[in-house]
């Protein structure tokens, strides 16, 4: 995929022998760094629940319009 210049991912599902898992932090970071557009990739968390990658990385520096800490400096 990457060797062919393809970096945008539509959907991710991580499976173990008998269950669906959320991607680990390293995998989340890899997905966003290879293409920031992957913030809108769908991540399957279980049979009836999915989220966008941006929801698993709410304060990431590569995601435009990411939640920002609005706490004023003291």
C-alpha atoms as a PDB file:
ATOM      1  CA  UNK A   1       0.000   0.000   0.000  1.00  0.00           C
ATOM      2  CA  UNK A   2       2.536   2.634   1.081  1.00  0.00           C
ATOM      3  CA  UNK A   3       5.070   1.556  -1.552  1.00  0.00           C
ATOM      4  CA  UNK A   4       2.385   2.198  -4.174  1.00  0.00           C
ATOM      5  CA  UNK A   5       1.858   5.721  -2.821  1.00  0.00           C
ATOM      6  CA  UNK A   6      -1.473   4.896  -1.204  1.00  0.00           C
ATOM      7  CA  UNK A   7      -1.797   6.377   2.276  1.00  0.00           C
ATOM      8  CA  UNK A   8      -5.460   7.127   2.872  1.00  0.00           C
ATOM      9  CA  UNK A   9      -7.369   4.503   4.854  1.00  0.00           C
ATOM     10  CA  UNK A  10     -11.148   4.218   4.855  1.00  0.00           C
ATOM     11  CA  UNK A  11     -11.762   1.730   7.677  1.00  0.00           C
ATOM     12  CA  UNK A  12      -9.787  -0.239  10.272  1.00  0.00           C
ATOM     13  CA  UNK A  13     -10.785  -3.287  12.266  1.00  0.00           C
ATOM     14  CA  UNK A  14      -8.321  -5.067  14.559  1.00  0.00           C
ATOM     15  CA  UNK A  15      -9.206  -8.603  15.519  1.00  0.00           C
ATOM     16  CA  UNK A  16      -7.868 -11.144  17.987  1.00  0.00           C
ATOM     17  CA  UNK A  17      -8.874 -14.802  18.040  1.00  0.00           C
ATOM     18  CA  UNK A  18     -12.359 -14.129  19.355  1.00  0.00           C
ATOM     19  CA  UNK A  19     -12.869 -10.365  19.674  1.00  0.00           C
ATOM     20  CA  UNK A  20     -12.431  -6.943  18.087  1.00  0.00           C
ATOM     21  CA  UNK A  21      -9.834  -4.648  19.677  1.00  0.00           C
ATOM     22  CA  UNK A  22      -9.146  -0.925  19.428  1.00  0.00           C
ATOM     23  CA  UNK A  23      -5.861  -0.104  17.678  1.00  0.00           C
ATOM     24  CA  UNK A  24      -2.982   0.533  20.071  1.00  0.00           C
ATOM     25  CA  UNK A  25      -1.437   3.977  20.451  1.00  0.00           C
ATOM     26  CA  UNK A  26       1.452   3.148  18.140  1.00  0.00           C
ATOM     27  CA  UNK A  27      -0.938   2.064  15.390  1.00  0.00           C
ATOM     28  CA  UNK A  28      -3.108   5.174  15.854  1.00  0.00           C
ATOM     29  CA  UNK A  29      -0.026   7.375  15.591  1.00  0.00           C
ATOM     30  CA  UNK A  30       1.171   5.542  12.465  1.00  0.00           C
ATOM     31  CA  UNK A  31      -2.213   5.940  10.770  1.00  0.00           C
ATOM     32  CA  UNK A  32      -2.354   9.683  11.388  1.00  0.00           C
ATOM     33  CA  UNK A  33       1.286  10.330  10.478  1.00  0.00           C
ATOM     34  CA  UNK A  34       1.185   8.530   7.127  1.00  0.00           C
ATOM     35  CA  UNK A  35      -1.738  10.749   6.122  1.00  0.00           C
ATOM     36  CA  UNK A  36      -3.529  13.326   8.309  1.00  0.00           C
ATOM     37  CA  UNK A  37      -6.682  12.710   6.239  1.00  0.00           C
ATOM     38  CA  UNK A  38      -6.872   9.393   8.079  1.00  0.00           C
ATOM     39  CA  UNK A  39      -8.341  11.354  10.997  1.00  0.00           C
ATOM     40  CA  UNK A  40     -11.659  10.630   9.271  1.00  0.00           C
ATOM     41  CA  UNK A  41     -11.026   6.881   8.980  1.00  0.00           C
ATOM     42  CA  UNK A  42     -13.664   4.725  10.629  1.00  0.00           C
ATOM     43  CA  UNK A  43     -12.355   2.580  13.468  1.00  0.00           C
ATOM     44  CA  UNK A  44     -14.517  -0.438  14.323  1.00  0.00           C
ATOM     45  CA  UNK A  45     -14.526  -0.979  18.109  1.00  0.00           C
ATOM     46  CA  UNK A  46     -17.059  -3.814  18.341  1.00  0.00           C
ATOM     47  CA  UNK A  47     -19.947  -5.333  16.409  1.00  0.00           C
ATOM     48  CA  UNK A  48     -22.150  -2.252  16.694  1.00  0.00           C
ATOM     49  CA  UNK A  49     -19.816   0.613  17.631  1.00  0.00           C
ATOM     50  CA  UNK A  50     -17.380   2.597  15.515  1.00  0.00           C
ATOM     51  CA  UNK A  51     -15.676   5.992  15.818  1.00  0.00           C
ATOM     52  CA  UNK A  52     -13.492   8.229  13.692  1.00  0.00           C
ATOM     53  CA  UNK A  53      -9.752   8.066  14.365  1.00  0.00           C
ATOM     54  CA  UNK A  54      -9.878  11.740  15.414  1.00  0.00           C
ATOM     55  CA  UNK A  55     -12.001  10.679  18.407  1.00  0.00           C
ATOM     56  CA  UNK A  56      -9.211   8.371  19.583  1.00  0.00           C
ATOM     57  CA  UNK A  57      -6.653  11.195  19.148  1.00  0.00           C
ATOM     58  CA  UNK A  58      -8.557  14.244  20.442  1.00  0.00           C
ATOM     59  CA  UNK A  59      -5.584  16.605  20.915  1.00  0.00           C
ATOM     60  CA  UNK A  60      -3.304  15.466  18.111  1.00  0.00           C
ATOM     61  CA  UNK A  61      -1.086  18.115  16.532  1.00  0.00           C
ATOM     62  CA  UNK A  62      -1.671  16.827  12.976  1.00  0.00           C
ATOM     63  CA  UNK A  63      -5.456  16.960  13.088  1.00  0.00           C
ATOM     64  CA  UNK A  64      -6.920  20.288  11.947  1.00  0.00           C
ATOM     65  CA  UNK A  65      -9.715  21.567  14.199  1.00  0.00           C
ATOM     66  CA  UNK A  66      -8.709  19.077  16.869  1.00  0.00           C
ATOM     67  CA  UNK A  67      -9.975  19.825  20.365  1.00  0.00           C
ATOM     68  CA  UNK A  68      -7.721  22.386  21.957  1.00  0.00           C
ATOM     69  CA  UNK A  69      -7.006  22.913  25.625  1.00  0.00           C
ATOM     70  CA  UNK A  70      -8.752  26.192  26.363  1.00  0.00           C
ATOM     71  CA  UNK A  71      -7.392  26.512  29.897  1.00  0.00           C
ATOM     72  CA  UNK A  72      -5.746  29.946  30.167  1.00  0.00           C
ATOM     73  CA  UNK A  73      -2.133  30.102  31.293  1.00  0.00           C
ATOM     74  CA  UNK A  74      -1.828  31.114  34.929  1.00  0.00           C
END
